[in-house]
């Protein structure tokens, strides 16, 4: 079965749909990241964070997650996240650090 909402990794177009899925600090992060260009460290870091949280690297065309589509999977990932907004923002900061290290060759 093919779902038009399914991509290989977390798609940037899904970011705005995550607003309201967690707390106010997370919503503020969504607004900030969504206002940035797709080639910014912040945007790439957010995508990387969602890839790690959602397990996108292990998703395949036959998985239940792929059948639901990336939007529903991402919403469910954030909704089921057991940590608070501070922990989500910490995950985001770690993802930013990882992306910066990658681009600097470290």
N, C-alpha and C. Protein backbone atom coordinates (compact mmCIF):
# COMPACT_ATOMS: atom_id res chain seq x y z
N UNK A 1 0.84 -1.17 0.00
CA UNK A 1 0.00 0.00 0.00
C UNK A 1 0.88 1.24 0.00
N UNK A 2 0.50 2.27 -0.71
CA UNK A 2 1.29 3.48 -0.85
C UNK A 2 0.55 4.64 -0.22
N UNK A 3 1.23 5.42 0.60
CA UNK A 3 0.65 6.61 1.22
C UNK A 3 1.44 7.81 0.72
N UNK A 4 0.77 8.78 0.14
CA UNK A 4 1.43 9.96 -0.41
C UNK A 4 2.10 10.81 0.67
N UNK A 5 1.73 10.59 1.93
CA UNK A 5 2.30 11.37 3.04
C UNK A 5 3.57 10.72 3.59
N UNK A 6 3.99 9.61 3.03
CA UNK A 6 5.15 8.88 3.53
C UNK A 6 6.39 9.23 2.73
N UNK A 7 7.44 9.61 3.44
CA UNK A 7 8.72 9.91 2.82
C UNK A 7 9.81 9.09 3.49
N UNK A 8 11.02 9.21 3.01
CA UNK A 8 12.12 8.40 3.55
C UNK A 8 12.46 8.81 4.98
N UNK A 9 12.58 10.11 5.23
CA UNK A 9 12.85 10.65 6.56
C UNK A 9 11.83 11.73 6.88
N UNK A 10 11.85 12.22 8.10
CA UNK A 10 10.90 13.23 8.53
C UNK A 10 10.91 14.43 7.57
N UNK A 11 9.76 14.74 6.97
CA UNK A 11 9.69 15.86 6.02
C UNK A 11 9.44 17.20 6.72
N UNK A 12 10.12 18.22 6.27
CA UNK A 12 10.00 19.57 6.85
C UNK A 12 8.57 20.10 6.80
N UNK A 13 7.83 19.70 5.81
CA UNK A 13 6.47 20.22 5.64
C UNK A 13 5.56 19.85 6.82
N UNK A 14 5.96 18.87 7.61
CA UNK A 14 5.15 18.41 8.75
C UNK A 14 5.34 19.28 9.99
N UNK A 15 6.42 20.05 10.04
CA UNK A 15 6.74 20.82 11.24
C UNK A 15 5.57 21.67 11.74
N UNK A 16 4.91 22.47 10.91
CA UNK A 16 3.81 23.30 11.43
C UNK A 16 2.66 22.49 12.03
N UNK A 17 2.45 21.28 11.55
CA UNK A 17 1.33 20.47 12.05
C UNK A 17 1.57 19.94 13.46
N UNK A 18 2.79 20.09 13.98
CA UNK A 18 3.10 19.61 15.33
C UNK A 18 2.73 20.63 16.40
N UNK A 19 2.34 21.80 15.97
CA UNK A 19 1.95 22.84 16.94
C UNK A 19 0.70 22.39 17.69
N UNK A 20 0.74 22.55 18.99
CA UNK A 20 -0.39 22.16 19.84
C UNK A 20 -0.32 20.72 20.32
N UNK A 21 0.74 20.00 19.94
CA UNK A 21 0.86 18.60 20.32
C UNK A 21 1.57 18.42 21.66
N UNK A 22 2.21 19.47 22.15
CA UNK A 22 2.91 19.41 23.45
C UNK A 22 2.67 20.74 24.14
N UNK A 23 3.63 21.25 24.88
CA UNK A 23 3.44 22.48 25.65
C UNK A 23 3.75 23.75 24.87
N UNK A 24 3.62 24.88 25.57
CA UNK A 24 3.83 26.19 24.96
C UNK A 24 5.27 26.40 24.49
N UNK A 25 6.23 25.93 25.26
CA UNK A 25 7.63 26.09 24.85
C UNK A 25 7.91 25.34 23.55
N UNK A 26 7.31 24.18 23.39
CA UNK A 26 7.47 23.42 22.15
C UNK A 26 6.79 24.16 21.00
N UNK A 27 5.62 24.74 21.25
CA UNK A 27 4.94 25.54 20.22
C UNK A 27 5.80 26.72 19.79
N UNK A 28 6.46 27.36 20.76
CA UNK A 28 7.35 28.49 20.44
C UNK A 28 8.51 28.01 19.56
N UNK A 29 9.04 26.83 19.86
CA UNK A 29 10.11 26.26 19.05
C UNK A 29 9.62 25.99 17.64
N UNK A 30 8.41 25.45 17.52
CA UNK A 30 7.83 25.19 16.19
C UNK A 30 7.76 26.49 15.39
N UNK A 31 7.26 27.55 16.02
CA UNK A 31 7.16 28.85 15.33
C UNK A 31 8.53 29.35 14.89
N UNK A 32 9.51 29.23 15.79
CA UNK A 32 10.87 29.70 15.48
C UNK A 32 11.47 28.92 14.32
N UNK A 33 11.38 27.60 14.38
CA UNK A 33 11.98 26.75 13.35
C UNK A 33 11.25 26.93 12.02
N UNK A 34 9.94 27.05 12.08
CA UNK A 34 9.15 27.19 10.85
C UNK A 34 9.42 28.52 10.15
N UNK A 35 9.82 29.53 10.92
CA UNK A 35 10.10 30.84 10.32
C UNK A 35 11.49 30.89 9.67
N UNK A 36 12.33 29.91 9.99
CA UNK A 36 13.68 29.85 9.42
C UNK A 36 13.64 29.13 8.08
N UNK A 37 14.64 29.35 7.28
CA UNK A 37 14.75 28.65 6.00
C UNK A 37 15.13 27.20 6.21
N UNK A 38 14.84 26.38 5.23
CA UNK A 38 15.13 24.94 5.34
C UNK A 38 16.61 24.62 5.34
N UNK A 39 17.44 25.59 4.99
CA UNK A 39 18.88 25.34 4.96
C UNK A 39 19.59 25.88 6.21
N UNK A 40 18.84 26.24 7.24
CA UNK A 40 19.45 26.74 8.46
C UNK A 40 19.75 25.59 9.43
N UNK A 41 20.71 25.82 10.30
CA UNK A 41 21.08 24.82 11.31
C UNK A 41 19.87 24.49 12.19
N UNK A 42 19.08 25.49 12.53
CA UNK A 42 17.91 25.27 13.39
C UNK A 42 16.91 24.32 12.74
N UNK A 43 16.66 24.54 11.49
CA UNK A 43 15.69 23.72 10.76
C UNK A 43 16.21 22.28 10.60
N UNK A 44 17.45 22.17 10.19
CA UNK A 44 18.06 20.85 10.01
C UNK A 44 18.12 20.12 11.35
N UNK A 45 18.46 20.86 12.41
CA UNK A 45 18.51 20.27 13.75
C UNK A 45 17.16 19.74 14.19
N UNK A 46 16.10 20.47 13.90
CA UNK A 46 14.75 20.02 14.27
C UNK A 46 14.39 18.75 13.51
N UNK A 47 14.68 18.74 12.23
CA UNK A 47 14.40 17.55 11.42
C UNK A 47 15.18 16.36 11.97
N UNK A 48 16.45 16.57 12.31
CA UNK A 48 17.29 15.50 12.86
C UNK A 48 16.72 15.00 14.19
N UNK A 49 16.27 15.93 15.04
CA UNK A 49 15.67 15.53 16.31
C UNK A 49 14.45 14.64 16.07
N UNK A 50 13.60 15.02 15.13
CA UNK A 50 12.39 14.24 14.85
C UNK A 50 12.73 12.88 14.24
N UNK A 51 13.79 12.83 13.43
CA UNK A 51 14.23 11.55 12.87
C UNK A 51 14.63 10.61 14.00
N UNK A 52 15.36 11.15 14.99
CA UNK A 52 15.79 10.32 16.12
C UNK A 52 14.60 9.93 17.00
N UNK A 53 13.74 10.88 17.33
CA UNK A 53 12.60 10.59 18.21
C UNK A 53 11.61 9.62 17.56
N UNK A 54 11.37 9.81 16.28
CA UNK A 54 10.37 9.00 15.59
C UNK A 54 10.90 7.69 15.03
N UNK A 55 12.20 7.51 15.05
CA UNK A 55 12.76 6.28 14.51
C UNK A 55 12.64 6.19 13.00
N UNK A 56 12.75 7.31 12.33
CA UNK A 56 12.58 7.34 10.88
C UNK A 56 13.57 6.43 10.15
N UNK A 57 14.77 6.29 10.70
CA UNK A 57 15.80 5.49 10.03
C UNK A 57 15.41 4.01 9.94
N UNK A 58 14.53 3.57 10.82
CA UNK A 58 14.13 2.16 10.79
C UNK A 58 12.77 1.95 10.12
N UNK A 59 12.17 3.01 9.66
CA UNK A 59 10.87 2.90 8.98
C UNK A 59 11.08 2.36 7.57
N UNK A 60 10.13 1.56 7.11
CA UNK A 60 10.20 1.07 5.73
C UNK A 60 8.79 1.04 5.15
N UNK A 61 8.69 0.84 3.88
CA UNK A 61 7.41 0.93 3.18
C UNK A 61 6.35 -0.03 3.71
N UNK A 62 6.76 -1.12 4.31
CA UNK A 62 5.80 -2.10 4.81
C UNK A 62 5.44 -1.91 6.28
N UNK A 63 6.02 -0.92 6.92
CA UNK A 63 5.76 -0.74 8.36
C UNK A 63 4.43 -0.02 8.58
N UNK A 64 3.89 -0.23 9.76
CA UNK A 64 2.64 0.42 10.12
C UNK A 64 2.80 1.94 10.12
N UNK A 65 3.97 2.41 10.57
CA UNK A 65 4.23 3.86 10.58
C UNK A 65 4.14 4.42 9.17
N UNK A 66 4.73 3.73 8.20
CA UNK A 66 4.70 4.21 6.82
C UNK A 66 3.29 4.20 6.26
N UNK A 67 2.51 3.23 6.64
CA UNK A 67 1.13 3.17 6.16
C UNK A 67 0.30 4.33 6.69
N UNK A 68 0.60 4.78 7.92
CA UNK A 68 -0.11 5.93 8.49
C UNK A 68 0.33 7.23 7.85
N UNK A 69 1.59 7.31 7.48
CA UNK A 69 2.14 8.54 6.91
C UNK A 69 2.96 9.32 7.92
N UNK A 70 3.82 10.17 7.41
CA UNK A 70 4.75 10.91 8.25
C UNK A 70 4.05 11.90 9.18
N UNK A 71 3.00 12.54 8.72
CA UNK A 71 2.32 13.52 9.56
C UNK A 71 1.73 12.86 10.79
N UNK A 72 0.99 11.78 10.62
CA UNK A 72 0.39 11.10 11.76
C UNK A 72 1.45 10.48 12.67
N UNK A 73 2.49 9.95 12.09
CA UNK A 73 3.56 9.35 12.87
C UNK A 73 4.25 10.41 13.74
N UNK A 74 4.55 11.56 13.16
CA UNK A 74 5.21 12.65 13.90
C UNK A 74 4.31 13.17 15.02
N UNK A 75 3.03 13.34 14.73
CA UNK A 75 2.10 13.80 15.76
C UNK A 75 2.03 12.79 16.91
N UNK A 76 1.98 11.53 16.58
CA UNK A 76 1.93 10.50 17.61
C UNK A 76 3.23 10.46 18.41
N UNK A 77 4.35 10.66 17.74
CA UNK A 77 5.64 10.67 18.42
C UNK A 77 5.69 11.78 19.46
N UNK A 78 5.26 12.98 19.09
CA UNK A 78 5.29 14.11 20.02
C UNK A 78 4.24 13.94 21.11
N UNK A 79 3.07 13.46 20.74
CA UNK A 79 2.02 13.26 21.74
C UNK A 79 2.42 12.24 22.80
N UNK A 80 3.11 11.20 22.37
CA UNK A 80 3.52 10.13 23.29
C UNK A 80 4.84 10.41 24.00
N UNK A 81 5.52 11.50 23.65
CA UNK A 81 6.78 11.83 24.29
C UNK A 81 6.55 12.03 25.78
N UNK A 82 7.24 11.29 26.59
CA UNK A 82 6.99 11.28 28.03
C UNK A 82 7.65 12.43 28.78
N UNK A 83 8.64 13.04 28.17
CA UNK A 83 9.32 14.15 28.82
C UNK A 83 8.52 15.45 28.71
N UNK A 84 8.99 16.46 29.42
CA UNK A 84 8.34 17.77 29.35
C UNK A 84 8.99 18.60 28.24
N UNK A 85 8.53 19.84 28.10
CA UNK A 85 9.06 20.70 27.05
C UNK A 85 10.55 20.96 27.23
N UNK A 86 11.00 21.08 28.47
CA UNK A 86 12.42 21.31 28.73
C UNK A 86 13.26 20.18 28.17
N UNK A 87 12.80 18.96 28.34
CA UNK A 87 13.52 17.80 27.81
C UNK A 87 13.48 17.76 26.28
N UNK A 88 12.36 18.15 25.71
CA UNK A 88 12.27 18.23 24.25
C UNK A 88 13.24 19.28 23.72
N UNK A 89 13.30 20.42 24.40
CA UNK A 89 14.21 21.48 23.97
C UNK A 89 15.67 21.05 24.16
N UNK A 90 15.93 20.24 25.16
CA UNK A 90 17.28 19.70 25.35
C UNK A 90 17.63 18.75 24.20
N UNK A 91 16.66 17.94 23.78
CA UNK A 91 16.89 17.05 22.63
C UNK A 91 17.16 17.86 21.37
N UNK A 92 16.44 18.96 21.23
CA UNK A 92 16.65 19.86 20.09
C UNK A 92 18.06 20.46 20.15
N UNK A 93 18.48 20.92 21.32
CA UNK A 93 19.82 21.50 21.47
C UNK A 93 20.90 20.47 21.16
N UNK A 94 20.70 19.24 21.59
CA UNK A 94 21.66 18.17 21.28
C UNK A 94 21.70 17.91 19.78
N UNK A 95 20.55 17.95 19.14
CA UNK A 95 20.51 17.73 17.69
C UNK A 95 21.23 18.86 16.96
N UNK A 96 21.04 20.10 17.42
CA UNK A 96 21.74 21.25 16.84
C UNK A 96 23.25 21.04 16.98
N UNK A 97 23.67 20.62 18.17
CA UNK A 97 25.10 20.38 18.43
C UNK A 97 25.63 19.31 17.48
N UNK A 98 24.89 18.23 17.30
CA UNK A 98 25.31 17.15 16.40
C UNK A 98 25.42 17.63 14.95
N UNK A 99 24.47 18.44 14.53
CA UNK A 99 24.47 18.95 13.15
C UNK A 99 25.66 19.89 12.96
N UNK A 100 25.89 20.77 13.93
CA UNK A 100 27.03 21.69 13.83
C UNK A 100 28.35 20.91 13.79
N UNK A 101 28.45 19.87 14.62
CA UNK A 101 29.66 19.06 14.62
C UNK A 101 29.86 18.37 13.28
N UNK A 102 28.77 17.89 12.71
CA UNK A 102 28.86 17.22 11.41
C UNK A 102 29.34 18.18 10.34
N UNK A 103 28.75 19.38 10.30
CA UNK A 103 29.12 20.33 9.27
C UNK A 103 30.53 20.89 9.45
N UNK A 104 31.02 20.89 10.69
CA UNK A 104 32.38 21.39 10.92
C UNK A 104 33.42 20.28 10.74
N UNK A 105 32.96 19.08 10.45
CA UNK A 105 33.87 17.97 10.21
C UNK A 105 34.29 17.25 11.48
N UNK A 106 33.64 17.56 12.59
CA UNK A 106 34.02 16.94 13.87
C UNK A 106 33.06 15.92 14.23
